[in-house]
PDB file of N, CA and C in Angstrom:
ATOM      1  N   UNK A   1      99.109 169.892 112.215  1.00  0.00           N
ATOM      2  CA  UNK A   1     101.024 171.088 111.959  1.00  0.00           C
ATOM      3  C   UNK A   1     101.839 170.439 112.630  1.00  0.00           C
ATOM      4  N   UNK A   2     101.982 169.753 113.799  1.00  0.00           N
ATOM      5  CA  UNK A   2     102.797 169.427 114.513  1.00  0.00           C
ATOM      6  C   UNK A   2     103.339 168.302 114.184  1.00  0.00           C
ATOM      7  N   UNK A   3     102.218 167.118 113.536  1.00  0.00           N
ATOM      8  CA  UNK A   3     102.268 166.328 113.657  1.00  0.00           C
ATOM      9  C   UNK A   3     103.049 166.324 112.630  1.00  0.00           C
ATOM     10  N   UNK A   4     102.508 166.671 110.977  1.00  0.00           N
ATOM     11  CA  UNK A   4     103.192 167.151 109.847  1.00  0.00           C
ATOM     12  C   UNK A   4     104.283 167.126 109.492  1.00  0.00           C
ATOM     13  N   UNK A   5     105.237 168.438 110.854  1.00  0.00           N
ATOM     14  CA  UNK A   5     106.678 168.771 110.831  1.00  0.00           C
ATOM     15  C   UNK A   5     107.471 167.939 110.927  1.00  0.00           C
ATOM     16  N   UNK A   6     107.054 166.220 111.880  1.00  0.00           N
ATOM     17  CA  UNK A   6     107.395 165.614 113.079  1.00  0.00           C
ATOM     18  C   UNK A   6     107.806 164.014 111.937  1.00  0.00           C
ATOM     19  N   UNK A   7     106.795 164.114 110.823  1.00  0.00           N
ATOM     20  CA  UNK A   7     107.244 163.052 109.691  1.00  0.00           C
ATOM     21  C   UNK A   7     108.258 163.653 108.905  1.00  0.00           C
ATOM     22  N   UNK A   8     108.028 165.481 108.660  1.00  0.00           N
ATOM     23  CA  UNK A   8     108.787 165.360 107.393  1.00  0.00           C
ATOM     24  C   UNK A   8     110.136 165.373 108.722  1.00  0.00           C
ATOM     25  N   UNK A   9     109.997 166.114 109.361  1.00  0.00           N
ATOM     26  CA  UNK A   9     111.931 165.759 109.615  1.00  0.00           C
ATOM     27  C   UNK A   9     112.043 165.036 110.019  1.00  0.00           C
ATOM     28  N   UNK A  10     111.312 163.725 109.993  1.00  0.00           N
ATOM     29  CA  UNK A  10     112.132 162.042 110.199  1.00  0.00           C
ATOM     30  C   UNK A  10     112.142 161.499 108.796  1.00  0.00           C
ATOM     31  N   UNK A  11     111.768 162.390 107.815  1.00  0.00           N
ATOM     32  CA  UNK A  11     111.921 162.227 105.964  1.00  0.00           C
ATOM     33  C   UNK A  11     112.932 162.749 105.639  1.00  0.00           C
ATOM     34  N   UNK A  12     112.719 163.600 106.513  1.00  0.00           N
ATOM     35  CA  UNK A  12     114.334 164.956 106.268  1.00  0.00           C
ATOM     36  C   UNK A  12     115.600 163.669 106.450  1.00  0.00           C
ATOM     37  N   UNK A  13     115.697 163.490 108.515  1.00  0.00           N
ATOM     38  CA  UNK A  13     116.536 162.524 108.417  1.00  0.00           C
ATOM     39  C   UNK A  13     117.438 161.485 107.668  1.00  0.00           C
ATOM     40  N   UNK A  14     116.242 160.382 107.173  1.00  0.00           N
ATOM     41  CA  UNK A  14     116.585 159.844 106.655  1.00  0.00           C
ATOM     42  C   UNK A  14     117.118 159.398 105.800  1.00  0.00           C
ATOM     43  N   UNK A  15     117.128 160.657 104.680  1.00  0.00           N
ATOM     44  CA  UNK A  15     117.301 161.467 102.740  1.00  0.00           C
ATOM     45  C   UNK A  15     118.903 161.767 103.233  1.00  0.00           C
ATOM     46  N   UNK A  16     119.033 162.540 104.971  1.00  0.00           N
ATOM     47  CA  UNK A  16     119.955 162.997 105.289  1.00  0.00           C
ATOM     48  C   UNK A  16     121.447 161.461 105.754  1.00  0.00           C
ATOM     49  N   UNK A  17     120.826 161.088 106.200  1.00  0.00           N
ATOM     50  CA  UNK A  17     121.467 159.537 106.256  1.00  0.00           C
ATOM     51  C   UNK A  17     122.225 158.825 104.918  1.00  0.00           C
ATOM     52  N   UNK A  18     120.853 158.895 104.168  1.00  0.00           N
ATOM     53  CA  UNK A  18     121.579 158.403 103.046  1.00  0.00           C
ATOM     54  C   UNK A  18     122.439 159.282 102.040  1.00  0.00           C
ATOM     55  N   UNK A  19     122.616 160.366 102.203  1.00  0.00           N
ATOM     56  CA  UNK A  19     123.057 161.524 101.552  1.00  0.00           C
ATOM     57  C   UNK A  19     124.032 161.626 102.048  1.00  0.00           C
ATOM     58  N   UNK A  20     125.054 160.799 103.884  1.00  0.00           N
ATOM     59  CA  UNK A  20     126.079 160.781 104.219  1.00  0.00           C
ATOM     60  C   UNK A  20     126.635 159.552 103.772  1.00  0.00           C
ATOM     61  N   UNK A  21     126.155 159.221 103.452  1.00  0.00           N
ATOM     62  CA  UNK A  21     126.328 157.126 103.301  1.00  0.00           C
ATOM     63  C   UNK A  21     127.433 157.362 102.312  1.00  0.00           C
ATOM     64  N   UNK A  22     126.231 158.386 101.148  1.00  0.00           N
ATOM     65  CA  UNK A  22     126.666 158.540  99.583  1.00  0.00           C
ATOM     66  C   UNK A  22     128.012 159.220  99.647  1.00  0.00           C
ATOM     67  N   UNK A  23     128.558 160.333 100.689  1.00  0.00           N
ATOM     68  CA  UNK A  23     129.600 160.935 100.658  1.00  0.00           C
ATOM     69  C   UNK A  23     130.398 160.205 100.868  1.00  0.00           C
ATOM     70  N   UNK A  24     130.547 159.583 102.232  1.00  0.00           N
ATOM     71  CA  UNK A  24     131.508 158.773 102.239  1.00  0.00           C
ATOM     72  C   UNK A  24     132.164 157.605 101.603  1.00  0.00           C
ATOM     73  N   UNK A  25     130.750 157.342 100.795  1.00  0.00           N
ATOM     74  CA  UNK A  25     130.857 155.943  99.307  1.00  0.00           C
ATOM     75  C   UNK A  25     132.158 156.319  98.499  1.00  0.00           C
ATOM     76  N   UNK A  26     131.508 157.723  97.706  1.00  0.00           N
ATOM     77  CA  UNK A  26     131.381 157.564  96.259  1.00  0.00           C
ATOM     78  C   UNK A  26     133.383 158.196  96.272  1.00  0.00           C
ATOM     79  N   UNK A  27     133.504 158.914  97.166  1.00  0.00           N
ATOM     80  CA  UNK A  27     135.409 159.049  96.980  1.00  0.00           C
ATOM     81  C   UNK A  27     136.181 158.096  97.041  1.00  0.00           C
ATOM     82  N   UNK A  28     135.504 157.271  98.338  1.00  0.00           N
ATOM     83  CA  UNK A  28     136.550 155.942  98.127  1.00  0.00           C
ATOM     84  C   UNK A  28     136.564 155.478  96.326  1.00  0.00           C
ATOM     85  N   UNK A  29     135.149 155.406  95.977  1.00  0.00           N
ATOM     86  CA  UNK A  29     135.532 154.006  95.029  1.00  0.00           C
ATOM     87  C   UNK A  29     136.070 155.083  93.691  1.00  0.00           C
ATOM     88  N   UNK A  30     135.884 156.670  93.972  1.00  0.00           N
ATOM     89  CA  UNK A  30     137.104 157.324  93.124  1.00  0.00           C
ATOM     90  C   UNK A  30     138.399 157.114  93.153  1.00  0.00           C
ATOM     91  N   UNK A  31     138.825 156.769  94.000  1.00  0.00           N
ATOM     92  CA  UNK A  31     140.460 156.868  94.460  1.00  0.00           C
ATOM     93  C   UNK A  31     140.562 155.411  93.931  1.00  0.00           C
ATOM     94  N   UNK A  32     139.734 154.496  94.254  1.00  0.00           N
ATOM     95  CA  UNK A  32     139.621 153.256  93.670  1.00  0.00           C
ATOM     96  C   UNK A  32     140.224 152.701  92.604  1.00  0.00           C
ATOM     97  N   UNK A  33     138.758 153.803  91.248  1.00  0.00           N
ATOM     98  CA  UNK A  33     139.083 153.661  89.869  1.00  0.00           C
ATOM     99  C   UNK A  33     140.305 154.162  89.072  1.00  0.00           C
ATOM    100  N   UNK A  34     140.760 155.474  90.171  1.00  0.00           N
ATOM    101  CA  UNK A  34     142.058 156.240  90.258  1.00  0.00           C
ATOM    102  C   UNK A  34     143.401 155.461  89.691  1.00  0.00           C
ATOM    103  N   UNK A  35     142.669 154.827  91.002  1.00  0.00           N
ATOM    104  CA  UNK A  35     144.352 153.567  90.500  1.00  0.00           C
ATOM    105  C   UNK A  35     144.207 152.640  89.983  1.00  0.00           C
ATOM    106  N   UNK A  36     143.123 152.436  89.889  1.00  0.00           N
ATOM    107  CA  UNK A  36     143.497 151.306  88.550  1.00  0.00           C
ATOM    108  C   UNK A  36     143.462 152.102  87.381  1.00  0.00           C
ATOM    109  N   UNK A  37     143.261 152.952  86.622  1.00  0.00           N
ATOM    110  CA  UNK A  37     143.434 153.982  85.469  1.00  0.00           C
ATOM    111  C   UNK A  37     145.293 153.795  85.308  1.00  0.00           C
ATOM    112  N   UNK A  38     145.421 154.261  86.805  1.00  0.00           N
ATOM    113  CA  UNK A  38     147.002 155.072  86.761  1.00  0.00           C
ATOM    114  C   UNK A  38     147.729 153.335  86.585  1.00  0.00           C
ATOM    115  N   UNK A  39     147.249 152.110  87.212  1.00  0.00           N
ATOM    116  CA  UNK A  39     148.253 150.798  87.333  1.00  0.00           C
ATOM    117  C   UNK A  39     148.227 150.683  85.601  1.00  0.00           C
ATOM    118  N   UNK A  40     146.998 151.225  84.959  1.00  0.00           N
ATOM    119  CA  UNK A  40     147.244 150.061  83.342  1.00  0.00           C
ATOM    120  C   UNK A  40     147.976 151.139  82.462  1.00  0.00           C
ATOM    121  N   UNK A  41     147.943 152.786  82.942  1.00  0.00           N
ATOM    122  CA  UNK A  41     149.674 153.496  81.907  1.00  0.00           C
ATOM    123  C   UNK A  41     150.299 153.164  81.861  1.00  0.00           C
TER     124      UNK A  41
END
């Protein structure tokens, strides 16, 4: 059981890092898109 738990924890860790990266990148992309839209108006 302990072995399964550590596998699960490792999987969650990987997903957590990915989600953190997405949370960092998405707002920057949104900001850039908003700036492009504003310059076109």
